[in-house]
Protein backbone atom coordinates (compact mmCIF):
# COMPACT_ATOMS: atom_id res chain seq x y z
CA MET A 1 47.38 -50.40 -32.20
CA VAL A 2 48.78 -47.42 -30.34
CA CYS A 3 52.45 -46.55 -30.53
CA PRO A 4 54.06 -47.59 -27.25
CA PHE A 5 55.79 -44.23 -26.84
CA SER A 6 52.79 -42.04 -27.69
CA CYS A 7 51.43 -39.78 -25.00
CA PRO A 8 47.68 -40.43 -24.40
CA PRO A 9 45.71 -37.82 -22.53
CA LEU A 10 46.09 -38.30 -18.83
CA PRO A 11 42.85 -38.76 -16.87
CA ALA A 12 42.33 -36.10 -14.27
CA PRO A 13 43.08 -37.40 -10.81
CA SER A 14 39.90 -37.78 -8.80
CA LEU A 15 39.75 -35.98 -5.49
CA ASN A 16 37.37 -38.13 -3.45
CA SER A 17 36.46 -37.63 0.14
CA SER A 18 38.90 -40.27 1.34
CA HIS A 19 41.79 -38.38 -0.24
CA LEU A 20 40.68 -35.09 1.25
CA SER A 21 40.30 -36.69 4.64
CA LEU A 22 44.01 -37.60 4.75
CA PRO A 23 46.38 -35.48 6.83
CA LYS A 24 48.21 -32.68 4.99
CA LYS A 25 51.61 -34.41 5.19
CA GLN A 26 50.22 -37.61 3.64
CA ARG A 27 48.42 -35.63 0.91
CA LEU A 28 51.72 -33.91 -0.03
CA THR A 29 53.50 -37.27 -0.07
CA ALA A 30 50.86 -38.77 -2.32
CA ARG A 31 51.03 -35.76 -4.64
CA ALA A 32 54.82 -36.12 -4.93
CA HIS A 33 54.36 -39.65 -6.30
CA THR A 34 51.90 -38.66 -9.01
CA PRO A 35 53.00 -39.16 -12.66
CA THR A 36 53.15 -35.41 -13.27
CA HIS A 37 55.65 -34.90 -10.47
CA LYS A 38 57.75 -37.83 -11.68
CA MET A 39 57.97 -36.31 -15.16
CA ALA A 40 58.87 -32.94 -13.64
CA LYS A 41 61.66 -34.55 -11.63
CA THR A 42 63.01 -36.26 -14.74
CA THR A 43 62.95 -32.98 -16.66
CA LEU A 44 64.72 -31.12 -13.87
CA LEU A 45 67.34 -33.88 -13.61
CA VAL A 46 68.16 -33.73 -17.32
CA CYS A 47 68.29 -29.92 -17.29
CA ALA A 48 70.51 -29.91 -14.21
CA LEU A 49 72.89 -32.40 -15.83
CA LEU A 50 73.18 -30.31 -19.00
CA ALA A 51 73.71 -27.17 -16.91
CA LEU A 52 76.48 -28.94 -14.99
CA VAL A 53 78.24 -29.87 -18.23
CA MET A 54 78.00 -26.29 -19.50
CA CYS A 55 79.40 -24.93 -16.22
CA LEU A 56 82.31 -27.36 -16.32
CA ALA A 57 83.05 -26.46 -19.94
CA ALA A 58 82.84 -22.73 -19.18
CA THR A 59 85.22 -23.19 -16.24
CA ALA A 60 87.68 -25.03 -18.47
CA VAL A 61 87.51 -22.34 -21.16
CA SER A 62 88.03 -19.43 -18.77
CA ALA A 63 90.78 -21.13 -16.77
CA GLN A 64 94.29 -19.78 -17.35
CA GLN A 65 96.04 -21.52 -14.50
CA SER A 66 99.64 -22.71 -14.42
CA LEU A 67 101.41 -25.77 -13.08
CA ALA A 68 102.25 -23.78 -9.90
CA CYS A 69 105.72 -25.34 -9.70
CA GLN A 70 106.93 -22.29 -7.78
CA MET A 71 105.14 -23.82 -4.79
CA VAL A 72 107.53 -26.80 -4.96
CA TRP A 73 110.84 -25.30 -6.11
CA GLN A 74 112.86 -23.04 -3.83
CA ALA A 75 114.58 -20.82 -6.42
CA PRO A 76 115.45 -20.63 -10.14
CA SER A 77 117.79 -23.48 -11.05
CA PRO A 78 118.51 -25.73 -14.05
CA ASN A 79 118.44 -28.65 -11.60
CA ASN A 80 114.77 -28.20 -10.71
CA SER A 81 112.83 -31.38 -11.46
CA LEU A 82 109.59 -31.11 -13.41
CA LEU A 83 108.58 -34.62 -12.29
CA GLU A 84 109.03 -33.59 -8.67
CA CYS A 85 106.76 -30.63 -9.29
CA LEU A 86 104.05 -32.71 -10.97
CA GLY A 87 104.10 -35.33 -8.21
CA ASN A 88 103.97 -32.93 -5.27
CA THR A 89 100.82 -33.62 -3.22
CA ASP A 90 100.47 -30.07 -1.87
CA ARG A 91 100.51 -28.67 -5.40
CA ILE A 92 97.94 -31.24 -6.53
CA ARG A 93 95.60 -30.44 -3.63
CA SER A 94 95.85 -26.70 -4.30
CA GLN A 95 94.56 -27.17 -7.85
CA TRP A 96 91.58 -29.40 -7.05
CA PRO A 97 89.01 -27.18 -8.89
CA TYR A 98 90.74 -27.91 -12.19
CA TYR A 99 90.33 -31.67 -11.69
CA LEU A 100 86.52 -31.53 -11.48
CA TYR A 101 85.93 -31.88 -15.21
CA PRO A 102 88.26 -34.90 -15.60
CA ALA A 103 86.78 -36.38 -12.40
CA PHE A 104 83.21 -36.20 -13.73
CA ALA A 105 84.38 -37.70 -17.02
CA ALA A 106 86.05 -40.51 -15.08
CA LEU A 107 82.81 -41.14 -13.17
CA ILE A 108 80.90 -41.42 -16.43
CA PHE A 109 83.50 -43.88 -17.71
CA ILE A 110 83.28 -45.98 -14.53
CA PHE A 111 79.49 -45.99 -14.72
CA THR A 112 79.68 -47.05 -18.36
CA VAL A 113 82.03 -49.91 -17.54
CA ILE A 114 80.19 -51.12 -14.42
CA GLY A 115 76.65 -49.74 -14.43
CA LEU A 116 75.58 -50.47 -17.99
CA PRO A 117 76.53 -54.19 -17.89
CA ILE A 118 74.39 -54.46 -14.74
CA LEU A 119 71.52 -52.88 -16.68
CA PHE A 120 71.96 -55.43 -19.46
CA CYS A 121 71.96 -58.28 -16.94
CA CYS A 122 68.78 -57.00 -15.30
CA HIS A 123 67.06 -56.85 -18.66
CA CYS A 124 68.17 -60.32 -19.70
CA CYS A 125 67.14 -62.05 -16.46
CA SER A 126 64.00 -59.89 -15.99
CA CYS A 127 64.84 -59.43 -12.33
CA CYS A 128 64.01 -55.73 -12.41
CA GLU A 129 60.82 -56.01 -14.43
CA ALA A 130 58.58 -55.26 -11.47
CA TYR A 131 60.37 -51.95 -10.90
CA VAL A 132 60.36 -50.63 -14.46
CA LYS A 133 56.91 -51.62 -15.71
CA PRO A 134 54.15 -49.07 -15.22
CA LYS A 135 51.62 -49.99 -12.54
CA ALA A 136 48.68 -48.09 -13.99
CA GLU A 137 47.43 -46.54 -17.18
CA THR A 138 48.32 -43.02 -16.04
CA ASP A 139 51.87 -44.16 -15.24
CA LEU A 140 52.09 -45.67 -18.72
CA GLY A 141 51.16 -42.37 -20.36
CA VAL A 142 53.64 -40.39 -18.29
CA ALA A 143 56.39 -42.92 -19.03
CA ARG A 144 55.73 -42.55 -22.74
CA CYS A 145 55.89 -38.75 -22.51
CA CYS A 146 59.14 -38.90 -20.51
CA LEU A 147 60.70 -41.21 -23.09
CA TRP A 148 59.63 -38.96 -25.94
CA MET A 149 61.15 -36.02 -24.11
CA LEU A 150 64.42 -37.93 -23.68
CA ILE A 151 64.38 -38.98 -27.34
CA VAL A 152 63.95 -35.40 -28.54
CA ILE A 153 66.69 -34.19 -26.19
CA SER A 154 69.02 -37.00 -27.34
CA VAL A 155 68.53 -36.19 -31.03
CA LEU A 156 69.12 -32.47 -30.46
CA VAL A 157 72.15 -33.17 -28.29
CA ALA A 158 73.49 -35.54 -30.95
CA CYS A 159 73.45 -32.70 -33.48
CA GLY A 160 75.27 -30.43 -31.02
CA VAL A 161 77.82 -33.15 -30.26
CA CYS A 162 78.46 -33.60 -33.98
CA VAL A 163 79.13 -29.86 -34.38
CA LEU A 164 81.49 -29.80 -31.38
CA LEU A 165 83.45 -32.84 -32.53
CA VAL A 166 83.78 -31.76 -36.16
CA TYR A 167 84.71 -28.15 -35.41
CA GLY A 168 86.99 -29.12 -32.52
CA SER A 169 88.90 -31.70 -34.57
CA VAL A 170 89.35 -29.29 -37.49
CA LEU A 171 90.55 -26.52 -35.15
CA LEU A 172 92.95 -28.92 -33.40
CA GLU A 173 94.56 -30.02 -36.66
CA GLN A 174 94.84 -26.44 -37.94
CA ALA A 175 96.34 -25.17 -34.67
CA ALA A 176 98.88 -28.01 -34.47
CA THR A 177 99.91 -27.39 -38.08
CA GLN A 178 100.18 -23.65 -37.40
CA ILE A 179 102.45 -24.18 -34.38
CA ILE A 180 104.83 -26.38 -36.36
CA HIS A 181 104.76 -23.99 -39.33
CA ASP A 182 105.47 -20.94 -37.15
CA THR A 183 108.26 -22.72 -35.32
CA GLU A 184 109.94 -23.67 -38.58
CA TYR A 185 109.37 -20.49 -40.57
CA ARG A 186 109.40 -17.86 -37.81
CA THR A 187 111.62 -19.02 -34.96
CA LEU A 188 114.12 -21.00 -37.02
CA ASN A 189 114.26 -18.35 -39.73
CA TYR A 190 114.96 -15.72 -37.08
CA PHE A 191 118.06 -17.52 -35.79
CA ASN A 192 119.17 -18.38 -39.33
CA ASP A 193 118.83 -14.75 -40.39
CA ILE A 194 120.86 -13.55 -37.40
CA ARG A 195 123.62 -16.03 -38.18
CA ALA A 196 123.67 -15.00 -41.84
CA ASN A 197 123.70 -11.28 -40.95
CA ILE A 198 126.57 -11.68 -38.49
CA THR A 199 128.57 -13.64 -41.05
CA MET A 200 127.90 -11.04 -43.75
CA LEU A 201 128.70 -8.04 -41.54
CA LEU A 202 131.96 -9.47 -40.21
CA THR A 203 133.27 -10.65 -43.57
CA ASN A 204 136.01 -8.38 -44.95
CA TYR A 205 134.92 -7.88 -48.56
CA SER A 206 137.70 -5.36 -49.22
CA ALA A 207 140.17 -8.23 -49.32
CA ASP A 208 140.57 -10.47 -52.34
CA PRO A 209 139.30 -13.08 -51.70
CA PRO A 210 136.95 -11.90 -48.90
CA ILE A 211 138.06 -12.93 -45.43
CA PRO A 212 135.32 -14.67 -43.38
CA PRO A 213 134.90 -13.84 -39.68
CA SER A 214 137.01 -15.66 -37.16
CA ILE A 215 134.30 -15.88 -34.48
CA ASP A 216 132.73 -19.18 -33.43
CA LEU A 217 129.06 -19.45 -34.46
CA ARG A 218 128.52 -22.98 -33.19
CA THR A 219 126.08 -21.67 -30.56
CA PHE A 220 123.66 -20.67 -33.30
CA ASP A 221 124.14 -24.04 -34.94
CA ALA A 222 123.34 -25.79 -31.63
CA VAL A 223 120.10 -23.82 -31.21
CA ASN A 224 119.09 -24.45 -34.80
CA ASP A 225 119.90 -28.14 -34.63
CA ASP A 226 117.85 -28.62 -31.45
CA ILE A 227 114.80 -26.75 -32.72
CA THR A 228 115.02 -28.34 -36.17
CA HIS A 229 115.24 -31.83 -34.64
CA TYR A 230 112.06 -31.40 -32.60
CA VAL A 231 110.17 -29.68 -35.43
CA HIS A 232 110.97 -32.45 -37.90
CA LEU A 233 110.19 -35.07 -35.25
CA ALA A 234 106.76 -33.53 -34.66
CA ARG A 235 106.06 -33.03 -38.36
CA ASN A 236 107.09 -36.53 -39.43
CA ASN A 237 105.88 -38.59 -36.47
CA TYR A 238 102.98 -36.77 -34.81
CA LEU A 239 101.31 -34.37 -37.22
CA GLN A 240 99.90 -37.26 -39.25
CA TYR A 241 97.98 -38.43 -36.18
CA PHE A 242 96.23 -35.06 -35.94
CA ARG A 243 95.05 -35.40 -39.53
CA ALA A 244 93.91 -38.98 -38.94
CA ALA A 245 92.15 -37.94 -35.72
CA GLU A 246 90.32 -35.20 -37.60
CA ILE A 247 88.93 -37.71 -40.10
CA VAL A 248 88.03 -40.27 -37.43
CA VAL A 249 86.33 -37.74 -35.15
CA CYS A 250 84.30 -36.31 -38.03
CA CYS A 251 83.14 -39.80 -38.95
CA VAL A 252 82.35 -40.68 -35.32
CA GLY A 253 80.33 -37.50 -34.87
CA SER A 254 78.29 -38.23 -37.99
CA VAL A 255 77.72 -41.84 -36.91
CA GLY A 256 76.52 -40.63 -33.50
CA VAL A 257 73.78 -38.54 -35.10
CA PHE A 258 72.80 -41.48 -37.32
CA LEU A 259 72.59 -43.86 -34.35
CA MET A 260 70.40 -41.45 -32.42
CA LEU A 261 68.08 -41.07 -35.41
CA CYS A 262 67.82 -44.86 -35.63
CA MET A 263 66.29 -44.80 -32.15
CA LEU A 264 63.27 -43.07 -33.67
CA VAL A 265 62.82 -46.03 -36.00
CA PHE A 266 62.61 -48.44 -33.07
CA VAL A 267 60.10 -46.18 -31.36
CA LEU A 268 57.81 -45.64 -34.32
CA CYS A 269 57.92 -49.28 -35.43
CA ARG A 270 57.40 -50.69 -31.91
CA CYS A 271 60.43 -52.96 -32.26
CA ASN A 272 60.63 -55.38 -29.34
CA GLY A 273 62.62 -58.47 -28.60
CA ILE A 274 66.27 -58.99 -29.41
CA CYS A 275 66.70 -56.28 -32.07
CA PRO A 276 66.59 -53.20 -29.76
CA ILE A 277 68.74 -54.99 -27.20
CA ALA A 278 71.37 -55.80 -29.82
CA TRP A 279 71.25 -52.18 -31.00
CA SER A 280 71.75 -51.00 -27.43
CA CYS A 281 74.95 -53.10 -27.32
CA LEU A 282 76.23 -50.92 -30.17
CA TYR A 283 75.29 -47.88 -28.09
CA PHE A 284 77.29 -49.38 -25.22
CA VAL A 285 80.42 -49.67 -27.38
CA PHE A 286 80.12 -46.04 -28.47
CA ALA A 287 79.35 -44.89 -24.93
CA LEU A 288 82.48 -46.67 -23.68
CA ALA A 289 84.64 -45.11 -26.43
CA PHE A 290 83.17 -41.63 -25.91
CA ALA A 291 83.61 -41.83 -22.13
CA LEU A 292 87.26 -42.89 -22.48
CA LEU A 293 87.98 -40.10 -24.97
CA ALA A 294 86.20 -37.64 -22.68
CA VAL A 295 88.62 -38.56 -19.88
CA LEU A 296 91.63 -38.12 -22.18
CA PHE A 297 90.55 -34.77 -23.59
CA THR A 298 89.47 -33.32 -20.24
CA ILE A 299 92.97 -34.14 -18.99
CA CYS A 300 94.34 -32.42 -22.10
CA ILE A 301 92.25 -29.36 -21.18
CA TYR A 302 94.08 -29.09 -17.87
CA VAL A 303 97.52 -29.67 -19.42
CA LEU A 304 97.00 -27.13 -22.21
CA SER A 305 95.44 -24.56 -19.88
CA ALA A 306 98.43 -24.89 -17.57
CA GLY A 307 100.84 -24.61 -20.52
CA CYS A 308 99.16 -21.48 -21.88
CA GLY A 309 99.16 -20.06 -18.36
CA GLU A 310 102.91 -20.62 -18.11
CA VAL A 311 103.37 -18.56 -21.28
CA GLY A 312 101.46 -15.72 -19.63
CA LEU A 313 103.69 -15.94 -16.56
CA GLN A 314 106.77 -15.74 -18.78
CA ARG A 315 105.53 -12.53 -20.38
CA GLY A 316 105.13 -11.00 -16.93
CA ARG A 317 108.48 -12.45 -15.77
CA GLU A 318 106.60 -14.10 -12.90
CA PRO A 319 107.78 -17.31 -11.20
CA GLY A 320 106.88 -20.42 -13.15
CA VAL A 321 108.34 -23.20 -15.25
CA PHE A 322 109.86 -20.72 -17.71
CA GLN A 323 111.49 -18.38 -15.19
CA TRP A 324 112.55 -20.99 -12.66
CA TYR A 325 113.61 -23.81 -14.97
CA LEU A 326 113.87 -23.03 -18.69
CA VAL A 327 115.73 -19.72 -18.33
CA PRO A 328 118.45 -21.17 -16.03
CA TRP A 329 118.68 -24.24 -18.26
CA CYS A 330 119.12 -22.02 -21.34
CA GLU A 331 121.88 -20.02 -19.64
CA LYS A 332 123.66 -23.25 -18.83
CA GLN A 333 123.08 -24.94 -22.19
CA PHE A 334 123.86 -22.10 -24.62
CA ASN A 335 126.91 -19.95 -23.91
CA PHE A 336 126.11 -16.71 -25.72
CA GLN A 337 128.48 -14.80 -23.40
CA ALA A 338 131.43 -16.30 -25.25
CA LEU A 339 129.92 -15.22 -28.57
CA ARG A 340 129.46 -11.68 -27.26
CA ALA A 341 133.11 -11.52 -26.15
CA GLN A 342 134.24 -12.72 -29.58
CA VAL A 343 132.13 -10.14 -31.41
CA GLN A 344 133.39 -7.37 -29.10
CA SER A 345 136.95 -8.49 -29.77
CA GLN A 346 136.22 -8.49 -33.50
CA GLU A 347 134.80 -4.97 -33.24
CA GLN A 348 137.94 -3.79 -31.44
CA GLN A 349 140.18 -5.38 -34.07
CA VAL A 350 138.38 -3.85 -37.03
CA SER A 351 138.18 -0.47 -35.25
CA GLN A 352 141.93 -0.48 -34.71
CA SER A 353 142.36 -1.65 -38.28
CA ALA A 354 140.33 1.33 -39.51
CA CYS A 355 142.47 3.75 -37.50
CA ALA A 356 145.63 1.98 -38.71
CA GLU A 357 144.42 2.52 -42.28
CA LEU A 358 143.86 6.18 -41.49
CA LEU A 359 147.33 6.59 -39.94
CA ASN A 360 148.84 5.52 -43.27
CA PHE A 361 147.57 8.79 -44.75
CA CYS A 362 147.56 11.28 -41.89
CA ASP A 363 149.70 12.87 -39.21
CA ASN A 364 149.45 15.83 -36.87
CA ASP A 365 151.81 18.14 -38.79
CA PRO A 366 149.93 20.84 -40.76
CA HIS A 367 152.87 21.15 -43.15
CA TYR A 368 153.12 18.79 -46.08
CA SER A 369 156.42 17.00 -46.73
CA LEU A 370 157.47 14.96 -49.75
CA GLU A 371 159.18 12.53 -47.42
CA THR A 372 155.74 11.48 -46.22
CA LYS A 373 153.85 12.39 -49.34
CA ASN A 374 150.93 10.05 -48.56
CA HIS A 375 150.17 11.92 -45.34
CA ILE A 376 147.75 14.37 -46.88
CA PHE A 377 145.27 14.43 -43.95
CA MET A 378 145.28 15.90 -40.49
CA CYS A 379 144.54 13.04 -38.07
CA GLY A 380 141.24 13.40 -36.26
CA ASN A 381 141.42 13.76 -32.48
CA SER A 382 145.21 14.00 -33.00
CA ILE A 383 145.61 10.23 -32.76
CA THR A 384 149.08 8.76 -33.07
CA ASP A 385 148.42 5.03 -32.62
CA LYS A 386 145.70 2.56 -33.57
CA SER A 387 145.25 1.52 -29.92
CA GLN A 388 143.42 4.80 -29.41
CA CYS A 389 140.47 3.30 -31.34
CA ASP A 390 138.71 0.55 -29.38
CA SER A 391 135.15 0.90 -30.65
CA LEU A 392 133.05 2.18 -33.49
CA ASP A 393 132.39 5.40 -31.61
CA ASP A 394 136.12 6.11 -31.51
CA VAL A 395 136.43 5.43 -35.23
CA VAL A 396 133.49 7.69 -36.07
CA ASP A 397 134.89 10.55 -33.98
CA VAL A 398 138.31 10.19 -35.59
CA VAL A 399 137.07 9.90 -39.18
CA LEU A 400 134.62 12.80 -38.88
CA SER A 401 137.34 15.10 -37.51
CA THR A 402 139.96 14.10 -40.13
CA TYR A 403 140.44 16.55 -43.01
CA VAL A 404 142.86 17.43 -45.80
CA LYS A 405 145.79 19.58 -44.75
CA PRO A 406 144.88 23.24 -45.36
CA MET A 407 147.79 23.89 -47.70
CA LEU A 408 146.58 21.03 -49.96
CA THR A 409 142.88 21.79 -49.91
CA ASN A 410 142.73 23.81 -53.12
CA THR A 411 145.02 21.35 -54.87
CA LEU A 412 143.39 18.08 -53.87
CA CYS A 413 139.74 19.10 -53.42
CA ALA A 414 139.69 20.53 -56.89
CA ASN A 415 136.05 19.70 -57.53
CA GLN A 416 134.73 22.13 -54.94
CA THR A 417 132.68 24.92 -56.45
CA GLY A 418 131.14 28.09 -55.07
CA MET A 419 133.57 28.40 -52.13
CA GLU A 420 133.63 31.85 -50.52
CA TYR A 421 136.47 30.94 -48.15
CA LEU A 422 138.83 28.05 -47.57
CA GLU A 423 136.69 25.22 -46.23
CA LYS A 424 137.81 22.03 -44.55
CA CYS A 425 137.82 19.07 -46.89
CA THR A 426 136.87 16.11 -44.70
CA VAL A 427 137.52 12.50 -45.59
CA ARG A 428 133.93 11.97 -46.73
CA LEU A 429 134.02 15.11 -48.89
CA CYS A 430 137.39 14.11 -50.26
CA SER A 431 136.01 10.73 -51.39
CA SER A 432 133.83 12.59 -53.89
CA ARG A 433 135.67 15.89 -54.53
CA CYS A 434 139.36 15.04 -54.45
CA VAL A 435 141.32 14.13 -57.57
CA ASN A 436 144.08 11.62 -58.16
CA TYR A 437 147.38 12.91 -59.56
CA GLU A 438 148.84 10.00 -61.47
CA ALA A 439 152.02 11.84 -62.41
CA LEU A 440 152.83 12.62 -58.79
CA ASP A 441 151.63 9.21 -57.63
CA LEU A 442 149.29 11.00 -55.24
CA HIS A 443 145.85 9.34 -55.14
CA ALA A 444 143.95 11.46 -52.64
CA ARG A 445 140.49 10.25 -53.62
CA THR A 446 141.57 6.60 -53.46
CA TYR A 447 143.06 7.13 -50.01
CA ALA A 448 139.80 8.67 -48.76
CA ILE A 449 137.76 5.77 -50.13
CA GLN A 450 140.04 3.22 -48.44
CA ILE A 451 139.67 5.01 -45.11
CA LEU A 452 135.88 5.05 -45.41
CA GLN A 453 135.80 1.35 -46.33
CA ALA A 454 137.73 0.53 -43.18
CA ALA A 455 135.34 2.69 -41.15
CA ASP A 456 132.32 0.99 -42.75
CA PHE A 457 133.77 -2.39 -41.83
CA ALA A 458 134.00 -1.22 -38.21
CA ALA A 459 130.37 -0.06 -38.44
CA ASN A 460 129.38 -3.53 -39.68
CA ALA A 461 131.09 -5.12 -36.69
CA SER A 462 129.17 -2.82 -34.37
CA THR A 463 125.92 -3.75 -36.12
CA ALA A 464 126.76 -7.43 -35.70
CA LEU A 465 127.24 -6.81 -31.99
CA SER A 466 123.78 -5.23 -31.83
CA TYR A 467 122.35 -8.47 -33.29
CA VAL A 468 124.12 -10.54 -30.66
CA TRP A 469 123.33 -8.27 -27.72
CA PRO A 470 119.66 -9.37 -27.22
CA LEU A 471 120.76 -13.00 -27.29
CA LEU A 472 122.75 -12.49 -24.11
CA ASP A 473 119.42 -12.69 -22.26
CA CYS A 474 117.84 -16.14 -22.40
CA ASN A 475 114.49 -14.49 -21.69
CA PHE A 476 114.68 -13.02 -25.19
CA ILE A 477 115.24 -16.45 -26.75
CA ILE A 478 112.45 -18.06 -24.74
CA ASP A 479 110.13 -15.16 -25.59
CA LYS A 480 110.73 -15.84 -29.28
CA ILE A 481 109.77 -19.49 -28.80
CA ALA A 482 106.82 -18.64 -26.53
CA ASN A 483 105.48 -16.15 -29.08
CA THR A 484 105.55 -18.95 -31.63
CA VAL A 485 103.31 -21.08 -29.40
CA GLU A 486 101.05 -18.27 -28.19
CA THR A 487 100.91 -14.90 -29.94
CA GLN A 488 99.84 -12.11 -27.63
CA SER A 489 96.52 -10.55 -28.57
CA TYR A 490 95.90 -6.82 -28.69
CA ASN A 491 92.83 -4.68 -28.15
CA SER A 492 91.48 -3.72 -31.56
CA SER A 493 90.43 -0.30 -30.24
CA PHE A 494 94.07 0.69 -29.81
CA THR A 495 95.88 -1.22 -32.51
CA THR A 496 95.30 -3.70 -35.29
CA GLN A 497 94.49 -7.23 -34.24
CA SER A 498 97.45 -9.58 -34.64
CA GLU A 499 97.21 -11.56 -37.87
CA TYR A 500 98.83 -14.62 -36.34
CA VAL A 501 96.75 -17.42 -34.90
CA ARG A 502 97.00 -17.69 -31.11
CA SER A 503 97.91 -21.33 -31.50
CA CYS A 504 98.06 -22.32 -27.83
CA SER A 505 94.61 -20.90 -27.13
CA ALA A 506 93.31 -22.53 -30.30
CA VAL A 507 94.57 -25.96 -29.21
CA ARG A 508 93.08 -25.44 -25.75
CA THR A 509 89.74 -24.37 -27.20
CA SER A 510 89.68 -27.38 -29.52
CA SER A 511 90.40 -29.71 -26.61
CA VAL A 512 87.53 -28.12 -24.66
CA MET A 513 85.22 -28.70 -27.63
CA LEU A 514 86.34 -32.29 -28.06
CA GLY A 515 86.26 -33.04 -24.33
CA THR A 516 82.78 -31.56 -23.96
CA GLY A 517 81.60 -33.27 -27.14
CA PHE A 518 82.77 -36.70 -26.01
CA PHE A 519 81.49 -36.11 -22.46
CA VAL A 520 77.99 -35.16 -23.62
CA GLY A 521 78.15 -37.85 -26.31
CA ALA A 522 78.75 -40.53 -23.67
CA LEU A 523 75.75 -39.24 -21.71
CA MET A 524 73.75 -39.23 -24.94
CA PHE A 525 74.44 -42.92 -25.62
CA ILE A 526 73.71 -43.81 -21.99
CA VAL A 527 70.34 -42.07 -22.30
CA GLY A 528 69.78 -43.91 -25.58
CA ILE A 529 70.40 -47.25 -23.87
CA TYR A 530 67.96 -46.28 -21.13
CA VAL A 531 65.33 -45.25 -23.68
CA ILE A 532 65.61 -48.53 -25.61
CA HIS A 533 65.49 -50.73 -22.52
CA ARG A 534 62.78 -48.70 -20.85
CA GLY A 535 60.73 -48.53 -24.03
CA SER A 536 60.80 -52.29 -24.47
CA ARG A 537 59.18 -52.62 -21.01
CA ILE A 538 56.40 -50.10 -21.65
CA THR A 539 53.90 -52.47 -23.23
CA VAL A 540 51.14 -53.40 -20.82
CA PRO A 541 50.76 -52.41 -17.18
CA VAL A 542 51.20 -55.21 -14.70
CA ASN A 543 47.56 -55.21 -13.61
CA LYS A 544 46.15 -54.93 -17.17
CA GLU A 545 45.96 -57.24 -20.13
CA LYS A 546 44.79 -54.65 -22.58
CA ASP A 547 47.34 -52.95 -24.81
CA PHE A 548 47.45 -49.29 -24.09
């Protein structure tokens, strides 16, 4: 008994005189219907289909398009509607190349839902038997070889599909976890650190107890609360589905390989009757599930490619969802201008406070008087009122130019050594070289330290303002969030490769792997159904009663 799918040697076609006497056009037509040409057509069809899938996948991987909402919106505005952009027909028509992959996946799904049940009906009622049974022994041999070719291709493709699904699901779960982790521990920590630094710098630790800053930091709290809410929502409600999907997809990919290998059992054992048909029903269920998932993930490819493209537009400050919607919305939602005004006011107050502290111990008279015995310094820049100090720069200029009155230099700066002539004893030098005279109640060193503490407090306020200054631009805030989602890569020939995972690209790549895996997997199960049904018909040619 010969295996029904074995490939017997094909008898050489006889070229009799009647064949040679036919016209050339009829001879070419007859040659096109020979078994060899049929097998060649089948091979070319399968190769063309696989090449089409690879081209679609390559197009999806290389695509870095955007939503192109700038075609719909007129100008940057927080009132721009994202739904209006997505529903605009002109925008949709302009991006038709990016819908090809989802469209082909949808066609496969429709064929699975409609075409395969028709195939089952034809097999059950035997209405198509005359069209699928071989008519001659040579046709039987070619049919067996074609089926063996499809079986080998299906098994090899099943292994590739398993690799795509397993690797894609693992990459998707890792990338999603990385995005949430970076958002929580990079973006949130950044805003928390800025808030803590501003609070620390503007707290007056020279007072007892320390006086906290009077500025309103509720803007930072609003940003933190919003980001924290969405991060916890994603971590608690959605991240678990990525882990579950990873397990399910890995199992499905392994089962797909097993089911394809089972097809070899039916072939080698010449299983006919109800068993192969029932097994093909299982193939139908998997083909339907794979086709549906292929549609979903090919749509995800477009969405993620557009999202990653929008991040690229934001880096270039080009029109897009970020520049024309998120930036205006941020400027309306978070009022960092008020915070900047408060910090500037705080800097002015502490600067004037530092100069007021200095005026307690200085004047512009080079002569020392016991009536104002604490005035041991010459005021820098000849200031007479604290209003002359409005910023840290003013304080620095005043403090650096303040020095001990010349007639008191040798008395107060007693710790100076190696002087060749009478040098100026500045406030900073006095803080380390001056001495305190307890009997005269003249504490020159203490006065100098108090002045420097007030100046340092003004410097802290200026530093706090430098923290707030970048936040005045919402582009800076959105860049911080965008860099969490997609870290910019660098050329390794110029600098070290970034150690952070490019999470957006990783999610997009994983969706391409999963979409391609499910797309090819659906085709694989459809081919498996064809092989089982076709193989059950290849028994005996219609005009023969002998088992070939």
